[in-house]
PDB file of all heavy atoms in Angstrom:
ATOM      1  N   LYS A   1     -45.005  99.155 -11.058  1.00  0.00           N
ATOM      2  CA  LYS A   1     -44.963  97.929 -10.337  1.00  0.00           C
ATOM      3  C   LYS A   1     -45.901  96.884 -10.982  1.00  0.00           C
ATOM      4  O   LYS A   1     -45.722  95.665 -10.778  1.00  0.00           O
ATOM      5  CB  LYS A   1     -45.361  98.106  -8.877  1.00  0.00           C
ATOM      6  CG  LYS A   1     -44.400  98.969  -8.136  1.00  0.00           C
ATOM      7  CD  LYS A   1     -44.872  99.209  -6.712  1.00  0.00           C
ATOM      8  CE  LYS A   1     -44.023 100.172  -6.005  1.00  0.00           C
ATOM      9  NZ  LYS A   1     -44.454 100.521  -4.621  1.00  0.00           N
ATOM     10  N   ILE A   2     -46.859  97.339 -11.741  1.00  0.00           N
ATOM     11  CA  ILE A   2     -47.812  96.411 -12.420  1.00  0.00           C
ATOM     12  C   ILE A   2     -47.034  95.601 -13.477  1.00  0.00           C
ATOM     13  O   ILE A   2     -46.430  96.180 -14.330  1.00  0.00           O
ATOM     14  CB  ILE A   2     -49.033  97.154 -13.002  1.00  0.00           C
ATOM     15  CG1 ILE A   2     -49.811  97.785 -11.832  1.00  0.00           C
ATOM     16  CG2 ILE A   2     -49.865  96.204 -13.874  1.00  0.00           C
ATOM     17  CD1 ILE A   2     -50.927  98.685 -12.356  1.00  0.00           C
ATOM     18  N   LYS A   3     -47.155  94.326 -13.436  1.00  0.00           N
ATOM     19  CA  LYS A   3     -46.494  93.476 -14.397  1.00  0.00           C
ATOM     20  C   LYS A   3     -47.406  92.899 -15.509  1.00  0.00           C
ATOM     21  O   LYS A   3     -46.968  92.579 -16.575  1.00  0.00           O
ATOM     22  CB  LYS A   3     -45.785  92.300 -13.736  1.00  0.00           C
ATOM     23  CG  LYS A   3     -44.725  92.729 -12.682  1.00  0.00           C
ATOM     24  CD  LYS A   3     -43.624  93.517 -13.409  1.00  0.00           C
ATOM     25  CE  LYS A   3     -42.602  94.005 -12.403  1.00  0.00           C
ATOM     26  NZ  LYS A   3     -41.860  95.165 -12.814  1.00  0.00           N
ATOM     27  N   THR A   4     -48.707  92.786 -15.173  1.00  0.00           N
ATOM     28  CA  THR A   4     -49.611  92.276 -16.202  1.00  0.00           C
ATOM     29  C   THR A   4     -50.892  93.054 -16.146  1.00  0.00           C
ATOM     30  O   THR A   4     -51.274  93.664 -15.090  1.00  0.00           O
ATOM     31  CB  THR A   4     -49.945  90.761 -15.937  1.00  0.00           C
ATOM     32  OG1 THR A   4     -50.538  90.658 -14.623  1.00  0.00           O
ATOM     33  CG2 THR A   4     -48.780  89.895 -16.121  1.00  0.00           C
ATOM     34  N   ILE A   5     -51.613  93.169 -17.283  1.00  0.00           N
ATOM     35  CA  ILE A   5     -52.865  93.827 -17.339  1.00  0.00           C
ATOM     36  C   ILE A   5     -53.857  92.867 -18.088  1.00  0.00           C
ATOM     37  O   ILE A   5     -53.517  92.297 -19.082  1.00  0.00           O
ATOM     38  CB  ILE A   5     -52.774  95.144 -18.190  1.00  0.00           C
ATOM     39  CG1 ILE A   5     -51.774  96.089 -17.554  1.00  0.00           C
ATOM     40  CG2 ILE A   5     -54.070  95.782 -18.420  1.00  0.00           C
ATOM     41  CD1 ILE A   5     -51.425  97.351 -18.288  1.00  0.00           C
ATOM     42  N   ALA A   6     -55.027  92.717 -17.520  1.00  0.00           N
ATOM     43  CA  ALA A   6     -56.070  91.924 -18.147  1.00  0.00           C
ATOM     44  C   ALA A   6     -56.837  92.773 -19.178  1.00  0.00           C
ATOM     45  O   ALA A   6     -57.288  93.886 -18.878  1.00  0.00           O
ATOM     46  CB  ALA A   6     -57.068  91.373 -17.159  1.00  0.00           C
ATOM     47  N   VAL A   7     -56.864  92.325 -20.385  1.00  0.00           N
ATOM     48  CA  VAL A   7     -57.640  93.024 -21.441  1.00  0.00           C
ATOM     49  C   VAL A   7     -58.777  92.108 -21.772  1.00  0.00           C
ATOM     50  O   VAL A   7     -58.637  91.013 -22.267  1.00  0.00           O
ATOM     51  CB  VAL A   7     -56.802  93.249 -22.751  1.00  0.00           C
ATOM     52  CG1 VAL A   7     -57.555  93.969 -23.788  1.00  0.00           C
ATOM     53  CG2 VAL A   7     -55.541  94.030 -22.377  1.00  0.00           C
ATOM     54  N   ILE A   8     -59.998  92.527 -21.418  1.00  0.00           N
ATOM     55  CA  ILE A   8     -61.147  91.657 -21.543  1.00  0.00           C
ATOM     56  C   ILE A   8     -62.242  92.336 -22.299  1.00  0.00           C
ATOM     57  O   ILE A   8     -62.215  93.532 -22.616  1.00  0.00           O
ATOM     58  CB  ILE A   8     -61.744  91.288 -20.143  1.00  0.00           C
ATOM     59  CG1 ILE A   8     -62.062  92.518 -19.378  1.00  0.00           C
ATOM     60  CG2 ILE A   8     -60.685  90.449 -19.353  1.00  0.00           C
ATOM     61  CD1 ILE A   8     -62.747  92.301 -18.016  1.00  0.00           C
ATOM     62  N   GLY A   9     -63.254  91.508 -22.720  1.00  0.00           N
ATOM     63  CA  GLY A   9     -64.422  91.989 -23.449  1.00  0.00           C
ATOM     64  C   GLY A   9     -64.360  91.630 -24.908  1.00  0.00           C
ATOM     65  O   GLY A   9     -63.353  91.281 -25.503  1.00  0.00           O
ATOM     66  N   ALA A  10     -65.586  91.627 -25.455  1.00  0.00           N
ATOM     67  CA  ALA A  10     -65.731  91.158 -26.886  1.00  0.00           C
ATOM     68  C   ALA A  10     -64.943  92.025 -27.878  1.00  0.00           C
ATOM     69  O   ALA A  10     -64.568  91.502 -28.972  1.00  0.00           O
ATOM     70  CB  ALA A  10     -67.229  91.168 -27.233  1.00  0.00           C
ATOM     71  N   ASN A  11     -64.699  93.207 -27.569  1.00  0.00           N
ATOM     72  CA  ASN A  11     -64.014  94.150 -28.524  1.00  0.00           C
ATOM     73  C   ASN A  11     -62.540  94.244 -28.326  1.00  0.00           C
ATOM     74  O   ASN A  11     -61.852  94.923 -29.103  1.00  0.00           O
ATOM     75  CB  ASN A  11     -64.641  95.503 -28.418  1.00  0.00           C
ATOM     76  CG  ASN A  11     -66.113  95.551 -28.865  1.00  0.00           C
ATOM     77  OD1 ASN A  11     -66.464  94.828 -29.798  1.00  0.00           O
ATOM     78  ND2 ASN A  11     -66.850  96.386 -28.266  1.00  0.00           N
ATOM     79  N   ALA A  12     -61.946  93.567 -27.390  1.00  0.00           N
ATOM     80  CA  ALA A  12     -60.530  93.710 -27.092  1.00  0.00           C
ATOM     81  C   ALA A  12     -59.634  93.290 -28.261  1.00  0.00           C
ATOM     82  O   ALA A  12     -58.588  93.870 -28.453  1.00  0.00           O
ATOM     83  CB  ALA A  12     -60.206  92.837 -25.875  1.00  0.00           C
ATOM     84  N   ASP A  13     -60.081  92.282 -28.973  1.00  0.00           N
ATOM     85  CA  ASP A  13     -59.256  91.816 -30.082  1.00  0.00           C
ATOM     86  C   ASP A  13     -60.032  91.895 -31.450  1.00  0.00           C
ATOM     87  O   ASP A  13     -59.826  91.129 -32.351  1.00  0.00           O
ATOM     88  CB  ASP A  13     -58.788  90.393 -29.899  1.00  0.00           C
ATOM     89  CG  ASP A  13     -57.559  90.082 -30.665  1.00  0.00           C
ATOM     90  OD1 ASP A  13     -56.774  90.999 -31.027  1.00  0.00           O
ATOM     91  OD2 ASP A  13     -57.349  88.854 -30.955  1.00  0.00           O
ATOM     92  N   ASP A  14     -60.948  92.901 -31.549  1.00  0.00           N
ATOM     93  CA  ASP A  14     -61.720  93.043 -32.735  1.00  0.00           C
ATOM     94  C   ASP A  14     -61.324  94.318 -33.503  1.00  0.00           C
ATOM     95  O   ASP A  14     -61.643  95.445 -33.070  1.00  0.00           O
ATOM     96  CB  ASP A  14     -63.196  93.155 -32.292  1.00  0.00           C
ATOM     97  CG  ASP A  14     -64.235  93.254 -33.438  1.00  0.00           C
ATOM     98  OD1 ASP A  14     -63.736  93.401 -34.573  1.00  0.00           O
ATOM     99  OD2 ASP A  14     -65.406  93.233 -33.170  1.00  0.00           O
ATOM    100  N   SER A  15     -60.659  94.139 -34.571  1.00  0.00           N
ATOM    101  CA  SER A  15     -60.153  95.270 -35.318  1.00  0.00           C
ATOM    102  C   SER A  15     -61.247  96.047 -36.045  1.00  0.00           C
ATOM    103  O   SER A  15     -61.221  97.223 -36.169  1.00  0.00           O
ATOM    104  CB  SER A  15     -59.116  94.818 -36.355  1.00  0.00           C
ATOM    105  OG  SER A  15     -59.633  94.022 -37.335  1.00  0.00           O
ATOM    106  N   VAL A  16     -62.330  95.288 -36.472  1.00  0.00           N
ATOM    107  CA  VAL A  16     -63.398  95.970 -37.205  1.00  0.00           C
ATOM    108  C   VAL A  16     -64.181  96.925 -36.264  1.00  0.00           C
ATOM    109  O   VAL A  16     -64.592  97.984 -36.677  1.00  0.00           O
ATOM    110  CB  VAL A  16     -64.372  94.949 -37.803  1.00  0.00           C
ATOM    111  CG1 VAL A  16     -65.583  95.576 -38.457  1.00  0.00           C
ATOM    112  CG2 VAL A  16     -63.641  94.049 -38.803  1.00  0.00           C
ATOM    113  N   MET A  17     -64.257  96.554 -34.984  1.00  0.00           N
ATOM    114  CA  MET A  17     -64.904  97.442 -34.050  1.00  0.00           C
ATOM    115  C   MET A  17     -64.220  98.851 -33.994  1.00  0.00           C
ATOM    116  O   MET A  17     -64.873  99.858 -33.786  1.00  0.00           O
ATOM    117  CB  MET A  17     -64.865  96.791 -32.636  1.00  0.00           C
ATOM    118  CG  MET A  17     -65.415  97.623 -31.480  1.00  0.00           C
ATOM    119  SD  MET A  17     -64.236  98.841 -30.709  1.00  0.00           S
ATOM    120  CE  MET A  17     -62.799  97.884 -30.275  1.00  0.00           C
ATOM    121  N   LEU A  18     -62.937  98.864 -34.182  1.00  0.00           N
ATOM    122  CA  LEU A  18     -62.191 100.069 -34.213  1.00  0.00           C
ATOM    123  C   LEU A  18     -62.557 101.079 -35.321  1.00  0.00           C
ATOM    124  O   LEU A  18     -62.328 102.223 -35.274  1.00  0.00           O
ATOM    125  CB  LEU A  18     -60.733  99.821 -34.253  1.00  0.00           C
ATOM    126  CG  LEU A  18     -60.133  99.036 -33.074  1.00  0.00           C
ATOM    127  CD1 LEU A  18     -58.621  98.654 -33.368  1.00  0.00           C
ATOM    128  CD2 LEU A  18     -60.181  99.832 -31.820  1.00  0.00           C
ATOM    129  N   TRP A  19     -63.192 100.560 -36.387  1.00  0.00           N
ATOM    130  CA  TRP A  19     -63.589 101.345 -37.485  1.00  0.00           C
ATOM    131  C   TRP A  19     -64.730 102.308 -37.092  1.00  0.00           C
ATOM    132  O   TRP A  19     -64.911 103.294 -37.687  1.00  0.00           O
ATOM    133  CB  TRP A  19     -64.025 100.499 -38.677  1.00  0.00           C
ATOM    134  CG  TRP A  19     -63.002  99.609 -39.233  1.00  0.00           C
ATOM    135  CD1 TRP A  19     -61.662  99.426 -38.825  1.00  0.00           C
ATOM    136  CD2 TRP A  19     -63.154  98.625 -40.240  1.00  0.00           C
ATOM    137  NE1 TRP A  19     -61.032  98.522 -39.552  1.00  0.00           N
ATOM    138  CE2 TRP A  19     -61.926  97.970 -40.535  1.00  0.00           C
ATOM    139  CE3 TRP A  19     -64.191  98.244 -41.080  1.00  0.00           C
ATOM    140  CZ2 TRP A  19     -61.729  97.001 -41.390  1.00  0.00           C
ATOM    141  CZ3 TRP A  19     -64.057  97.329 -42.028  1.00  0.00           C
ATOM    142  CH2 TRP A  19     -62.873  96.662 -42.135  1.00  0.00           C
ATOM    143  N   ALA A  20     -65.505 101.870 -36.140  1.00  0.00           N
ATOM    144  CA  ALA A  20     -66.678 102.659 -35.652  1.00  0.00           C
ATOM    145  C   ALA A  20     -67.635 102.798 -36.887  1.00  0.00           C
ATOM    146  O   ALA A  20     -67.843 101.866 -37.614  1.00  0.00           O
ATOM    147  CB  ALA A  20     -66.270 103.980 -35.094  1.00  0.00           C
ATOM    148  N   ASN A  21     -68.261 103.995 -37.012  1.00  0.00           N
ATOM    149  CA  ASN A  21     -69.104 104.220 -38.171  1.00  0.00           C
ATOM    150  C   ASN A  21     -68.556 105.366 -38.968  1.00  0.00           C
ATOM    151  O   ASN A  21     -67.483 105.964 -38.584  1.00  0.00           O
ATOM    152  CB  ASN A  21     -70.562 104.515 -37.759  1.00  0.00           C
ATOM    153  CG  ASN A  21     -70.727 105.585 -36.701  1.00  0.00           C
ATOM    154  OD1 ASN A  21     -69.721 106.232 -36.358  1.00  0.00           O
ATOM    155  ND2 ASN A  21     -71.886 105.789 -36.253  1.00  0.00           N
ATOM    156  N   TYR A  22     -69.122 105.709 -40.076  1.00  0.00           N
ATOM    157  CA  TYR A  22     -68.593 106.705 -41.026  1.00  0.00           C
ATOM    158  C   TYR A  22     -67.195 106.281 -41.449  1.00  0.00           C
ATOM    159  O   TYR A  22     -66.289 107.104 -41.618  1.00  0.00           O
ATOM    160  CB  TYR A  22     -68.500 108.170 -40.398  1.00  0.00           C
ATOM    161  CG  TYR A  22     -69.797 108.639 -39.731  1.00  0.00           C
ATOM    162  CD1 TYR A  22     -69.881 108.736 -38.358  1.00  0.00           C
ATOM    163  CD2 TYR A  22     -70.896 108.958 -40.492  1.00  0.00           C
ATOM    164  CE1 TYR A  22     -71.067 109.181 -37.761  1.00  0.00           C
ATOM    165  CE2 TYR A  22     -72.048 109.379 -39.880  1.00  0.00           C
ATOM    166  CZ  TYR A  22     -72.098 109.507 -38.579  1.00  0.00           C
ATOM    167  OH  TYR A  22     -73.233 109.997 -37.947  1.00  0.00           O
ATOM    168  N   ASN A  23     -66.968 104.986 -41.606  1.00  0.00           N
ATOM    169  CA  ASN A  23     -65.635 104.568 -41.863  1.00  0.00           C
ATOM    170  C   ASN A  23     -65.300 104.200 -43.341  1.00  0.00           C
ATOM    171  O   ASN A  23     -66.285 103.902 -44.065  1.00  0.00           O
ATOM    172  CB  ASN A  23     -65.344 103.268 -40.997  1.00  0.00           C
ATOM    173  CG  ASN A  23     -66.234 102.149 -41.435  1.00  0.00           C
ATOM    174  OD1 ASN A  23     -67.359 102.102 -41.045  1.00  0.00           O
ATOM    175  ND2 ASN A  23     -65.613 101.182 -42.192  1.00  0.00           N
ATOM    176  N   GLY A  24     -64.031 104.196 -43.627  1.00  0.00           N
ATOM    177  CA  GLY A  24     -63.612 103.547 -44.850  1.00  0.00           C
ATOM    178  C   GLY A  24     -63.050 102.228 -44.515  1.00  0.00           C
ATOM    179  O   GLY A  24     -63.487 101.617 -43.481  1.00  0.00           O
ATOM    180  N   PHE A  25     -62.135 101.717 -45.254  1.00  0.00           N
ATOM    181  CA  PHE A  25     -61.553 100.426 -44.982  1.00  0.00           C
ATOM    182  C   PHE A  25     -60.034 100.602 -44.820  1.00  0.00           C
ATOM    183  O   PHE A  25     -59.308 100.720 -45.790  1.00  0.00           O
ATOM    184  CB  PHE A  25     -61.866  99.426 -46.072  1.00  0.00           C
ATOM    185  CG  PHE A  25     -63.380  99.223 -46.207  1.00  0.00           C
ATOM    186  CD1 PHE A  25     -64.094  99.935 -47.191  1.00  0.00           C
ATOM    187  CD2 PHE A  25     -64.060  98.349 -45.329  1.00  0.00           C
ATOM    188  CE1 PHE A  25     -65.461  99.804 -47.243  1.00  0.00           C
ATOM    189  CE2 PHE A  25     -65.366  98.209 -45.482  1.00  0.00           C
ATOM    190  CZ  PHE A  25     -66.089  98.903 -46.407  1.00  0.00           C
ATOM    191  N   PRO A  26     -59.532 100.617 -43.615  1.00  0.00           N
ATOM    192  CA  PRO A  26     -58.159 100.928 -43.330  1.00  0.00           C
ATOM    193  C   PRO A  26     -57.272  99.740 -43.821  1.00  0.00           C
ATOM    194  O   PRO A  26     -57.691  98.633 -43.803  1.00  0.00           O
ATOM    195  CB  PRO A  26     -58.047 101.003 -41.798  1.00  0.00           C
ATOM    196  CG  PRO A  26     -59.217 100.331 -41.269  1.00  0.00           C
ATOM    197  CD  PRO A  26     -60.312 100.421 -42.338  1.00  0.00           C
TER     198      PRO A  26
END
């Protein structure tokens, strides 16, 4: 029944944050 979801926060649209640590470069 849910039609929309709020995605909030500084990391919501940050692809580099997804790399975390010990990372290469995807």
